[in-house]
Amino acid sequence: MRKRCTLRGLARWLTWGLIGAALYDQLRRPPQERTWTGRIGPIPYDFRPPSLERMRASFWNPEDARLFTPMPWGIGWSVNLAVLGEQLRPALERLRTRVRRAAPRG
């Protein structure tokens, strides 16, 4: 019986393909021109060792309005949790108000 192609398997192959393309992009350059950062199409990559500063700028940066920021290491994007929190705050306040109103008073 043949295995069916699953979405997870497709994502895995796509990820390995992007990693291969990014490495090919860097390794075809002379060593002095390799930055280990760039883009494969619209997808960013960064293979430099991660630093605390880059991790903070990617995962918690209230000064950056983008919700999705380039990963501090690897391929793709990360979520800027500071922006996500600001966007969710009004919805959470409305939910909290509804819960308070609906709670039985005793």
PDB file of N, CA and C in Angstrom:
ATOM      1  N   MET A   1       0.839  -1.180   0.000  1.00  0.00           N
ATOM      2  CA  MET A   1       0.000   0.000   0.000  1.00  0.00           C
ATOM      3  C   MET A   1       0.889   1.250   0.000  1.00  0.00           C
ATOM      4  N   ARG A   2       0.591   2.192  -0.878  1.00  0.00           N
ATOM      5  CA  ARG A   2       1.373   3.415  -0.972  1.00  0.00           C
ATOM      6  C   ARG A   2       0.972   4.404   0.103  1.00  0.00           C
ATOM      7  N   LYS A   3       1.972   5.108   0.603  1.00  0.00           N
ATOM      8  CA  LYS A   3       1.688   6.169   1.563  1.00  0.00           C
ATOM      9  C   LYS A   3       1.108   7.367   0.822  1.00  0.00           C
ATOM     10  N   ARG A   4       0.130   7.971   1.421  1.00  0.00           N
ATOM     11  CA  ARG A   4      -0.417   9.181   0.825  1.00  0.00           C
ATOM     12  C   ARG A   4       0.458  10.377   1.187  1.00  0.00           C
ATOM     13  N   CYS A   5       0.542  11.310   0.280  1.00  0.00           N
ATOM     14  CA  CYS A   5       1.294  12.531   0.538  1.00  0.00           C
ATOM     15  C   CYS A   5       0.488  13.387   1.510  1.00  0.00           C
ATOM     16  N   THR A   6       1.068  13.666   2.640  1.00  0.00           N
ATOM     17  CA  THR A   6       0.372  14.471   3.628  1.00  0.00           C
ATOM     18  C   THR A   6       0.885  15.898   3.586  1.00  0.00           C
ATOM     19  N   LEU A   7       0.131  16.777   4.179  1.00  0.00           N
ATOM     20  CA  LEU A   7       0.540  18.173   4.254  1.00  0.00           C
ATOM     21  C   LEU A   7       1.838  18.305   5.049  1.00  0.00           C
ATOM     22  N   ARG A   8       1.962  17.515   6.108  1.00  0.00           N
ATOM     23  CA  ARG A   8       3.182  17.550   6.918  1.00  0.00           C
ATOM     24  C   ARG A   8       4.389  17.108   6.093  1.00  0.00           C
ATOM     25  N   GLY A   9       4.226  16.056   5.308  1.00  0.00           N
ATOM     26  CA  GLY A   9       5.321  15.586   4.467  1.00  0.00           C
ATOM     27  C   GLY A   9       5.703  16.611   3.412  1.00  0.00           C
ATOM     28  N   LEU A  10       4.704  17.248   2.830  1.00  0.00           N
ATOM     29  CA  LEU A  10       4.962  18.288   1.840  1.00  0.00           C
ATOM     30  C   LEU A  10       5.704  19.463   2.471  1.00  0.00           C
ATOM     31  N   ALA A  11       5.281  19.860   3.673  1.00  0.00           N
ATOM     32  CA  ALA A  11       5.953  20.960   4.372  1.00  0.00           C
ATOM     33  C   ALA A  11       7.403  20.598   4.683  1.00  0.00           C
ATOM     34  N   ARG A  12       7.631  19.350   5.063  1.00  0.00           N
ATOM     35  CA  ARG A  12       8.995  18.898   5.367  1.00  0.00           C
ATOM     36  C   ARG A  12       9.869  18.984   4.118  1.00  0.00           C
ATOM     37  N   TRP A  13       9.374  18.507   2.979  1.00  0.00           N
ATOM     38  CA  TRP A  13      10.145  18.573   1.737  1.00  0.00           C
ATOM     39  C   TRP A  13      10.387  20.016   1.311  1.00  0.00           C
ATOM     40  N   LEU A  14       9.387  20.864   1.481  1.00  0.00           N
ATOM     41  CA  LEU A  14       9.537  22.275   1.134  1.00  0.00           C
ATOM     42  C   LEU A  14      10.604  22.928   2.013  1.00  0.00           C
ATOM     43  N   THR A  15      10.586  22.615   3.304  1.00  0.00           N
ATOM     44  CA  THR A  15      11.582  23.168   4.223  1.00  0.00           C
ATOM     45  C   THR A  15      12.988  22.739   3.830  1.00  0.00           C
ATOM     46  N   TRP A  16      13.182  21.445   3.580  1.00  0.00           N
ATOM     47  CA  TRP A  16      14.500  20.959   3.172  1.00  0.00           C
ATOM     48  C   TRP A  16      14.931  21.573   1.844  1.00  0.00           C
ATOM     49  N   GLY A  17      13.985  21.775   0.936  1.00  0.00           N
ATOM     50  CA  GLY A  17      14.307  22.414  -0.337  1.00  0.00           C
ATOM     51  C   GLY A  17      14.769  23.849  -0.150  1.00  0.00           C
ATOM     52  N   LEU A  18      14.097  24.583   0.744  1.00  0.00           N
ATOM     53  CA  LEU A  18      14.498  25.966   1.014  1.00  0.00           C
ATOM     54  C   LEU A  18      15.866  26.029   1.687  1.00  0.00           C
ATOM     55  N   ILE A  19      16.113  25.116   2.625  1.00  0.00           N
ATOM     56  CA  ILE A  19      17.429  25.073   3.277  1.00  0.00           C
ATOM     57  C   ILE A  19      18.514  24.791   2.236  1.00  0.00           C
ATOM     58  N   GLY A  20      18.262  23.823   1.364  1.00  0.00           N
ATOM     59  CA  GLY A  20      19.225  23.505   0.316  1.00  0.00           C
ATOM     60  C   GLY A  20      19.470  24.681  -0.612  1.00  0.00           C
ATOM     61  N   ALA A  21      18.404  25.374  -0.991  1.00  0.00           N
ATOM     62  CA  ALA A  21      18.550  26.530  -1.879  1.00  0.00           C
ATOM     63  C   ALA A  21      19.325  27.650  -1.195  1.00  0.00           C
ATOM     64  N   ALA A  22      19.063  27.878   0.090  1.00  0.00           N
ATOM     65  CA  ALA A  22      19.776  28.924   0.828  1.00  0.00           C
ATOM     66  C   ALA A  22      21.258  28.583   0.954  1.00  0.00           C
ATOM     67  N   LEU A  23      21.554  27.328   1.271  1.00  0.00           N
ATOM     68  CA  LEU A  23      22.957  26.922   1.376  1.00  0.00           C
ATOM     69  C   LEU A  23      23.655  27.005   0.022  1.00  0.00           C
ATOM     70  N   TYR A  24      22.971  26.596  -1.033  1.00  0.00           N
ATOM     71  CA  TYR A  24      23.546  26.699  -2.377  1.00  0.00           C
ATOM     72  C   TYR A  24      23.844  28.160  -2.706  1.00  0.00           C
ATOM     73  N   ASP A  25      22.899  29.047  -2.364  1.00  0.00           N
ATOM     74  CA  ASP A  25      23.069  30.476  -2.617  1.00  0.00           C
ATOM     75  C   ASP A  25      24.333  31.001  -1.934  1.00  0.00           C
ATOM     76  N   GLN A  26      24.590  30.562  -0.710  1.00  0.00           N
ATOM     77  CA  GLN A  26      25.764  31.042   0.020  1.00  0.00           C
ATOM     78  C   GLN A  26      27.055  30.359  -0.434  1.00  0.00           C
ATOM     79  N   LEU A  27      27.008  29.057  -0.649  1.00  0.00           N
ATOM     80  CA  LEU A  27      28.232  28.317  -0.959  1.00  0.00           C
ATOM     81  C   LEU A  27      28.744  28.555  -2.372  1.00  0.00           C
ATOM     82  N   ARG A  28      27.916  29.075  -3.263  1.00  0.00           N
ATOM     83  CA  ARG A  28      28.401  29.362  -4.613  1.00  0.00           C
ATOM     84  C   ARG A  28      29.170  30.684  -4.661  1.00  0.00           C
ATOM     85  N   ARG A  29      29.088  31.466  -3.584  1.00  0.00           N
ATOM     86  CA  ARG A  29      29.811  32.739  -3.502  1.00  0.00           C
ATOM     87  C   ARG A  29      31.235  32.498  -2.997  1.00  0.00           C
ATOM     88  N   PRO A  30      32.142  33.419  -3.318  1.00  0.00           N
ATOM     89  CA  PRO A  30      33.476  33.327  -2.712  1.00  0.00           C
ATOM     90  C   PRO A  30      33.346  33.473  -1.187  1.00  0.00           C
ATOM     91  N   PRO A  31      34.219  32.824  -0.411  1.00  0.00           N
ATOM     92  CA  PRO A  31      34.086  32.853   1.054  1.00  0.00           C
ATOM     93  C   PRO A  31      33.984  34.255   1.655  1.00  0.00           C
ATOM     94  N   GLN A  32      34.690  35.219   1.112  1.00  0.00           N
ATOM     95  CA  GLN A  32      34.655  36.568   1.680  1.00  0.00           C
ATOM     96  C   GLN A  32      33.327  37.287   1.412  1.00  0.00           C
ATOM     97  N   GLU A  33      32.522  36.780   0.493  1.00  0.00           N
ATOM     98  CA  GLU A  33      31.232  37.402   0.172  1.00  0.00           C
ATOM     99  C   GLU A  33      30.044  36.698   0.822  1.00  0.00           C
ATOM    100  N   ARG A  34      30.284  35.661   1.583  1.00  0.00           N
ATOM    101  CA  ARG A  34      29.192  34.918   2.224  1.00  0.00           C
ATOM    102  C   ARG A  34      28.698  35.667   3.458  1.00  0.00           C
ATOM    103  N   THR A  35      27.417  35.967   3.484  1.00  0.00           N
ATOM    104  CA  THR A  35      26.828  36.657   4.633  1.00  0.00           C
ATOM    105  C   THR A  35      26.005  35.713   5.494  1.00  0.00           C
ATOM    106  N   TRP A  36      25.581  34.587   4.944  1.00  0.00           N
ATOM    107  CA  TRP A  36      24.725  33.591   5.591  1.00  0.00           C
ATOM    108  C   TRP A  36      23.351  34.148   5.928  1.00  0.00           C
ATOM    109  N   THR A  37      22.990  35.264   5.299  1.00  0.00           N
ATOM    110  CA  THR A  37      21.636  35.814   5.406  1.00  0.00           C
ATOM    111  C   THR A  37      21.159  36.146   4.005  1.00  0.00           C
ATOM    112  N   GLY A  38      19.858  36.166   3.811  1.00  0.00           N
ATOM    113  CA  GLY A  38      19.315  36.531   2.514  1.00  0.00           C
ATOM    114  C   GLY A  38      17.872  36.099   2.378  1.00  0.00           C
ATOM    115  N   ARG A  39      17.441  35.960   1.140  1.00  0.00           N
ATOM    116  CA  ARG A  39      16.072  35.553   0.836  1.00  0.00           C
ATOM    117  C   ARG A  39      16.088  34.554  -0.305  1.00  0.00           C
ATOM    118  N   ILE A  40      15.204  33.579  -0.202  1.00  0.00           N
ATOM    119  CA  ILE A  40      14.916  32.671  -1.309  1.00  0.00           C
ATOM    120  C   ILE A  40      13.502  33.042  -1.725  1.00  0.00           C
ATOM    121  N   GLY A  41      13.397  33.803  -2.811  1.00  0.00           N
ATOM    122  CA  GLY A  41      12.096  34.377  -3.170  1.00  0.00           C
ATOM    123  C   GLY A  41      11.705  35.349  -2.064  1.00  0.00           C
ATOM    124  N   PRO A  42      10.496  35.228  -1.541  1.00  0.00           N
ATOM    125  CA  PRO A  42      10.078  36.143  -0.469  1.00  0.00           C
ATOM    126  C   PRO A  42      10.445  35.644   0.935  1.00  0.00           C
ATOM    127  N   ILE A  43      11.057  34.478   1.039  1.00  0.00           N
ATOM    128  CA  ILE A  43      11.272  33.846   2.344  1.00  0.00           C
ATOM    129  C   ILE A  43      12.674  34.165   2.865  1.00  0.00           C
ATOM    130  N   PRO A  44      12.755  34.825   4.044  1.00  0.00           N
ATOM    131  CA  PRO A  44      14.065  35.184   4.587  1.00  0.00           C
ATOM    132  C   PRO A  44      14.760  33.994   5.250  1.00  0.00           C
ATOM    133  N   TYR A  45      16.093  34.046   5.251  1.00  0.00           N
ATOM    134  CA  TYR A  45      16.868  33.047   5.991  1.00  0.00           C
ATOM    135  C   TYR A  45      18.042  33.737   6.665  1.00  0.00           C
ATOM    136  N   ASP A  46      18.499  33.156   7.761  1.00  0.00           N
ATOM    137  CA  ASP A  46      19.646  33.667   8.508  1.00  0.00           C
ATOM    138  C   ASP A  46      20.308  32.477   9.192  1.00  0.00           C
ATOM    139  N   PHE A  47      21.511  32.125   8.750  1.00  0.00           N
ATOM    140  CA  PHE A  47      22.224  30.989   9.321  1.00  0.00           C
ATOM    141  C   PHE A  47      23.390  31.425  10.206  1.00  0.00           C
ATOM    142  N   ARG A  48      23.438  32.705  10.570  1.00  0.00           N
ATOM    143  CA  ARG A  48      24.456  33.147  11.526  1.00  0.00           C
ATOM    144  C   ARG A  48      24.061  32.642  12.912  1.00  0.00           C
ATOM    145  N   PRO A  49      25.037  32.426  13.793  1.00  0.00           N
ATOM    146  CA  PRO A  49      24.662  32.022  15.158  1.00  0.00           C
ATOM    147  C   PRO A  49      23.741  33.082  15.769  1.00  0.00           C
ATOM    148  N   PRO A  50      22.662  32.665  16.423  1.00  0.00           N
ATOM    149  CA  PRO A  50      21.720  33.648  16.966  1.00  0.00           C
ATOM    150  C   PRO A  50      22.336  34.425  18.126  1.00  0.00           C
ATOM    151  N   SER A  51      21.948  35.682  18.231  1.00  0.00           N
ATOM    152  CA  SER A  51      22.379  36.508  19.361  1.00  0.00           C
ATOM    153  C   SER A  51      21.135  36.920  20.141  1.00  0.00           C
ATOM    154  N   LEU A  52      21.328  37.273  21.388  1.00  0.00           N
ATOM    155  CA  LEU A  52      20.214  37.705  22.224  1.00  0.00           C
ATOM    156  C   LEU A  52      19.547  38.946  21.628  1.00  0.00           C
ATOM    157  N   GLU A  53      20.354  39.847  21.095  1.00  0.00           N
ATOM    158  CA  GLU A  53      19.822  41.074  20.496  1.00  0.00           C
ATOM    159  C   GLU A  53      18.916  40.763  19.295  1.00  0.00           C
ATOM    160  N   ARG A  54      19.365  39.869  18.406  1.00  0.00           N
ATOM    161  CA  ARG A  54      18.541  39.516  17.246  1.00  0.00           C
ATOM    162  C   ARG A  54      17.295  38.743  17.659  1.00  0.00           C
ATOM    163  N   MET A  55      17.408  37.900  18.688  1.00  0.00           N
ATOM    164  CA  MET A  55      16.232  37.162  19.154  1.00  0.00           C
ATOM    165  C   MET A  55      15.197  38.125  19.732  1.00  0.00           C
ATOM    166  N   ARG A  56      15.649  39.081  20.519  1.00  0.00           N
ATOM    167  CA  ARG A  56      14.726  40.063  21.091  1.00  0.00           C
ATOM    168  C   ARG A  56      14.082  40.902  19.986  1.00  0.00           C
ATOM    169  N   ALA A  57      14.863  41.328  19.008  1.00  0.00           N
ATOM    170  CA  ALA A  57      14.318  42.132  17.913  1.00  0.00           C
ATOM    171  C   ALA A  57      13.297  41.346  17.103  1.00  0.00           C
ATOM    172  N   SER A  58      13.433  40.043  17.068  1.00  0.00           N
ATOM    173  CA  SER A  58      12.514  39.211  16.302  1.00  0.00           C
ATOM    174  C   SER A  58      11.258  38.855  17.088  1.00  0.00           C
ATOM    175  N   PHE A  59      11.421  38.457  18.351  1.00  0.00           N
ATOM    176  CA  PHE A  59      10.290  37.950  19.132  1.00  0.00           C
ATOM    177  C   PHE A  59       9.605  39.001  20.004  1.00  0.00           C
ATOM    178  N   TRP A  60      10.323  40.069  20.395  1.00  0.00           N
ATOM    179  CA  TRP A  60       9.711  41.084  21.263  1.00  0.00           C
ATOM    180  C   TRP A  60      10.281  42.435  20.898  1.00  0.00           C
ATOM    181  N   ASN A  61       9.597  43.145  19.998  1.00  0.00           N
ATOM    182  CA  ASN A  61      10.065  44.448  19.551  1.00  0.00           C
ATOM    183  C   ASN A  61       8.873  45.377  19.384  1.00  0.00           C
ATOM    184  N   PRO A  62       8.479  46.090  20.453  1.00  0.00           N
ATOM    185  CA  PRO A  62       7.324  46.981  20.350  1.00  0.00           C
ATOM    186  C   PRO A  62       7.541  48.144  19.379  1.00  0.00           C
ATOM    187  N   GLU A  63       8.792  48.443  19.038  1.00  0.00           N
ATOM    188  CA  GLU A  63       9.071  49.546  18.116  1.00  0.00           C
ATOM    189  C   GLU A  63       8.895  49.150  16.654  1.00  0.00           C
ATOM    190  N   ASP A  64       8.789  47.861  16.371  1.00  0.00           N
ATOM    191  CA  ASP A  64       8.588  47.360  15.011  1.00  0.00           C
ATOM    192  C   ASP A  64       7.109  47.026  14.850  1.00  0.00           C
ATOM    193  N   ALA A  65       6.442  47.625  13.890  1.00  0.00           N
ATOM    194  CA  ALA A  65       4.996  47.437  13.716  1.00  0.00           C
ATOM    195  C   ALA A  65       4.641  46.112  13.040  1.00  0.00           C
ATOM    196  N   ARG A  66       5.634  45.389  12.521  1.00  0.00           N
ATOM    197  CA  ARG A  66       5.347  44.134  11.821  1.00  0.00           C
ATOM    198  C   ARG A  66       4.989  43.028  12.807  1.00  0.00           C
ATOM    199  N   LEU A  67       3.951  42.256  12.480  1.00  0.00           N
ATOM    200  CA  LEU A  67       3.579  41.101  13.296  1.00  0.00           C
ATOM    201  C   LEU A  67       4.528  39.937  13.015  1.00  0.00           C
ATOM    202  N   PHE A  68       4.884  39.740  11.755  1.00  0.00           N
ATOM    203  CA  PHE A  68       5.804  38.668  11.367  1.00  0.00           C
ATOM    204  C   PHE A  68       7.150  39.280  11.008  1.00  0.00           C
ATOM    205  N   THR A  69       8.192  38.837  11.690  1.00  0.00           N
ATOM    206  CA  THR A  69       9.544  39.335  11.467  1.00  0.00           C
ATOM    207  C   THR A  69      10.442  38.158  11.074  1.00  0.00           C
ATOM    208  N   PRO A  70      11.549  38.416  10.378  1.00  0.00           N
ATOM    209  CA  PRO A  70      12.443  37.311  10.007  1.00  0.00           C
ATOM    210  C   PRO A  70      12.971  36.582  11.247  1.00  0.00           C
ATOM    211  N   MET A  71      13.111  35.270  11.120  1.00  0.00           N
ATOM    212  CA  MET A  71      13.631  34.460  12.230  1.00  0.00           C
ATOM    213  C   MET A  71      15.053  34.901  12.577  1.00  0.00           C
ATOM    214  N   PRO A  72      15.424  34.858  13.859  1.00  0.00           N
ATOM    215  CA  PRO A  72      16.800  35.199  14.219  1.00  0.00           C
ATOM    216  C   PRO A  72      17.791  34.117  13.795  1.00  0.00           C
ATOM    217  N   TRP A  73      17.304  32.910  13.543  1.00  0.00           N
ATOM    218  CA  TRP A  73      18.133  31.822  13.026  1.00  0.00           C
ATOM    219  C   TRP A  73      17.234  30.860  12.272  1.00  0.00           C
ATOM    220  N   GLY A  74      17.607  30.514  11.062  1.00  0.00           N
ATOM    221  CA  GLY A  74      16.833  29.555  10.288  1.00  0.00           C
ATOM    222  C   GLY A  74      16.127  30.205   9.113  1.00  0.00           C
ATOM    223  N   ILE A  75      15.010  29.597   8.726  1.00  0.00           N
ATOM    224  CA  ILE A  75      14.271  30.033   7.548  1.00  0.00           C
ATOM    225  C   ILE A  75      12.856  30.405   7.951  1.00  0.00           C
ATOM    226  N   GLY A  76      12.369  31.517   7.423  1.00  0.00           N
ATOM    227  CA  GLY A  76      10.976  31.892   7.648  1.00  0.00           C
ATOM    228  C   GLY A  76      10.830  33.076   8.581  1.00  0.00           C
ATOM    229  N   TRP A  77       9.686  33.122   9.229  1.00  0.00           N
ATOM    230  CA  TRP A  77       9.316  34.255  10.058  1.00  0.00           C
ATOM    231  C   TRP A  77       9.015  33.808  11.479  1.00  0.00           C
ATOM    232  N   SER A  78       9.108  34.764  12.396  1.00  0.00           N
ATOM    233  CA  SER A  78       8.677  34.546  13.775  1.00  0.00           C
ATOM    234  C   SER A  78       7.587  35.574  14.077  1.00  0.00           C
ATOM    235  N   VAL A  79       6.920  35.410  15.203  1.00  0.00           N
ATOM    236  CA  VAL A  79       5.840  36.315  15.593  1.00  0.00           C
ATOM    237  C   VAL A  79       6.391  37.324  16.592  1.00  0.00           C
ATOM    238  N   ASN A  80       6.179  38.601  16.308  1.00  0.00           N
ATOM    239  CA  ASN A  80       6.554  39.672  17.220  1.00  0.00           C
ATOM    240  C   ASN A  80       5.486  39.724  18.313  1.00  0.00           C
ATOM    241  N   LEU A  81       5.780  39.136  19.462  1.00  0.00           N
ATOM    242  CA  LEU A  81       4.786  38.989  20.525  1.00  0.00           C
ATOM    243  C   LEU A  81       4.340  40.328  21.104  1.00  0.00           C
ATOM    244  N   ALA A  82       5.184  41.350  21.058  1.00  0.00           N
ATOM    245  CA  ALA A  82       4.785  42.670  21.545  1.00  0.00           C
ATOM    246  C   ALA A  82       3.649  43.230  20.691  1.00  0.00           C
ATOM    247  N   VAL A  83       3.755  43.100  19.394  1.00  0.00           N
ATOM    248  CA  VAL A  83       2.702  43.580  18.489  1.00  0.00           C
ATOM    249  C   VAL A  83       1.451  42.722  18.631  1.00  0.00           C
ATOM    250  N   LEU A  84       1.620  41.411  18.745  1.00  0.00           N
ATOM    251  CA  LEU A  84       0.474  40.524  18.925  1.00  0.00           C
ATOM    252  C   LEU A  84      -0.287  40.893  20.193  1.00  0.00           C
ATOM    253  N   GLY A  85       0.430  41.154  21.275  1.00  0.00           N
ATOM    254  CA  GLY A  85      -0.214  41.549  22.526  1.00  0.00           C
ATOM    255  C   GLY A  85      -1.000  42.838  22.383  1.00  0.00           C
ATOM    256  N   GLU A  86      -0.434  43.807  21.683  1.00  0.00           N
ATOM    257  CA  GLU A  86      -1.140  45.076  21.466  1.00  0.00           C
ATOM    258  C   GLU A  86      -2.394  44.882  20.621  1.00  0.00           C
ATOM    259  N   GLN A  87      -2.332  43.985  19.652  1.00  0.00           N
ATOM    260  CA  GLN A  87      -3.495  43.745  18.802  1.00  0.00           C
ATOM    261  C   GLN A  87      -4.571  42.956  19.531  1.00  0.00           C
ATOM    262  N   LEU A  88      -4.177  42.099  20.460  1.00  0.00           N
ATOM    263  CA  LEU A  88      -5.151  41.286  21.189  1.00  0.00           C
ATOM    264  C   LEU A  88      -5.738  42.000  22.403  1.00  0.00           C
ATOM    265  N   ARG A  89      -5.074  43.017  22.904  1.00  0.00           N
ATOM    266  CA  ARG A  89      -5.519  43.696  24.126  1.00  0.00           C
ATOM    267  C   ARG A  89      -6.970  44.172  24.060  1.00  0.00           C
ATOM    268  N   PRO A  90      -7.426  44.877  23.018  1.00  0.00           N
ATOM    269  CA  PRO A  90      -8.836  45.311  22.987  1.00  0.00           C
ATOM    270  C   PRO A  90      -9.816  44.135  23.015  1.00  0.00           C
ATOM    271  N   ALA A  91      -9.509  43.078  22.294  1.00  0.00           N
ATOM    272  CA  ALA A  91     -10.406  41.913  22.280  1.00  0.00           C
ATOM    273  C   ALA A  91     -10.449  41.252  23.653  1.00  0.00           C
ATOM    274  N   LEU A  92      -9.326  41.173  24.325  1.00  0.00           N
ATOM    275  CA  LEU A  92      -9.298  40.573  25.661  1.00  0.00           C
ATOM    276  C   LEU A  92     -10.051  41.429  26.669  1.00  0.00           C
ATOM    277  N   GLU A  93      -9.957  42.742  26.533  1.00  0.00           N
ATOM    278  CA  GLU A  93     -10.710  43.630  27.431  1.00  0.00           C
ATOM    279  C   GLU A  93     -12.215  43.466  27.222  1.00  0.00           C
ATOM    280  N   ARG A  94     -12.652  43.364  25.967  1.00  0.00           N
ATOM    281  CA  ARG A  94     -14.083  43.143  25.698  1.00  0.00           C
ATOM    282  C   ARG A  94     -14.537  41.811  26.278  1.00  0.00           C
ATOM    283  N   LEU A  95     -13.735  40.784  26.120  1.00  0.00           N
ATOM    284  CA  LEU A  95     -14.075  39.471  26.663  1.00  0.00           C
ATOM    285  C   LEU A  95     -14.151  39.520  28.186  1.00  0.00           C
ATOM    286  N   ARG A  96     -13.215  40.191  28.811  1.00  0.00           N
ATOM    287  CA  ARG A  96     -13.213  40.312  30.271  1.00  0.00           C
ATOM    288  C   ARG A  96     -14.473  41.033  30.750  1.00  0.00           C
ATOM    289  N   THR A  97     -14.888  42.078  30.030  1.00  0.00           N
ATOM    290  CA  THR A  97     -16.103  42.811  30.393  1.00  0.00           C
ATOM    291  C   THR A  97     -17.329  41.917  30.271  1.00  0.00           C
ATOM    292  N   ARG A  98     -17.418  41.136  29.205  1.00  0.00           N
ATOM    293  CA  ARG A  98     -18.559  40.224  29.028  1.00  0.00           C
ATOM    294  C   ARG A  98     -18.613  39.172  30.123  1.00  0.00           C
ATOM    295  N   VAL A  99     -17.467  38.645  30.490  1.00  0.00           N
ATOM    296  CA  VAL A  99     -17.425  37.618  31.537  1.00  0.00           C
ATOM    297  C   VAL A  99     -17.874  38.206  32.866  1.00  0.00           C
ATOM    298  N   ARG A 100     -17.440  39.417  33.166  1.00  0.00           N
ATOM    299  CA  ARG A 100     -17.857  40.062  34.422  1.00  0.00           C
ATOM    300  C   ARG A 100     -19.363  40.282  34.451  1.00  0.00           C
ATOM    301  N   ARG A 101     -19.933  40.705  33.331  1.00  0.00           N
ATOM    302  CA  ARG A 101     -21.385  40.949  33.272  1.00  0.00           C
ATOM    303  C   ARG A 101     -22.168  39.647  33.397  1.00  0.00           C
ATOM    304  N   ALA A 102     -21.632  38.581  32.811  1.00  0.00           N
ATOM    305  CA  ALA A 102     -22.349  37.302  32.807  1.00  0.00           C
ATOM    306  C   ALA A 102     -22.180  36.524  34.108  1.00  0.00           C
ATOM    307  N   ALA A 103     -21.198  36.888  34.907  1.00  0.00           N
ATOM    308  CA  ALA A 103     -20.950  36.146  36.149  1.00  0.00           C
ATOM    309  C   ALA A 103     -22.101  36.368  37.127  1.00  0.00           C
ATOM    310  N   PRO A 104     -22.565  35.295  37.767  1.00  0.00           N
ATOM    311  CA  PRO A 104     -23.651  35.450  38.742  1.00  0.00           C
ATOM    312  C   PRO A 104     -23.166  36.238  39.957  1.00  0.00           C
ATOM    313  N   ARG A 105     -24.037  37.083  40.426  1.00  0.00           N
ATOM    314  CA  ARG A 105     -23.691  37.889  41.606  1.00  0.00           C
ATOM    315  C   ARG A 105     -24.331  37.254  42.821  1.00  0.00           C
ATOM    316  N   GLY A 106     -23.557  37.137  43.821  1.00  0.00           N
ATOM    317  CA  GLY A 106     -24.114  36.443  44.964  1.00  0.00           C
ATOM    318  C   GLY A 106     -23.886  37.054  46.256  1.00  0.00           C
TER     319      GLY A 106
END
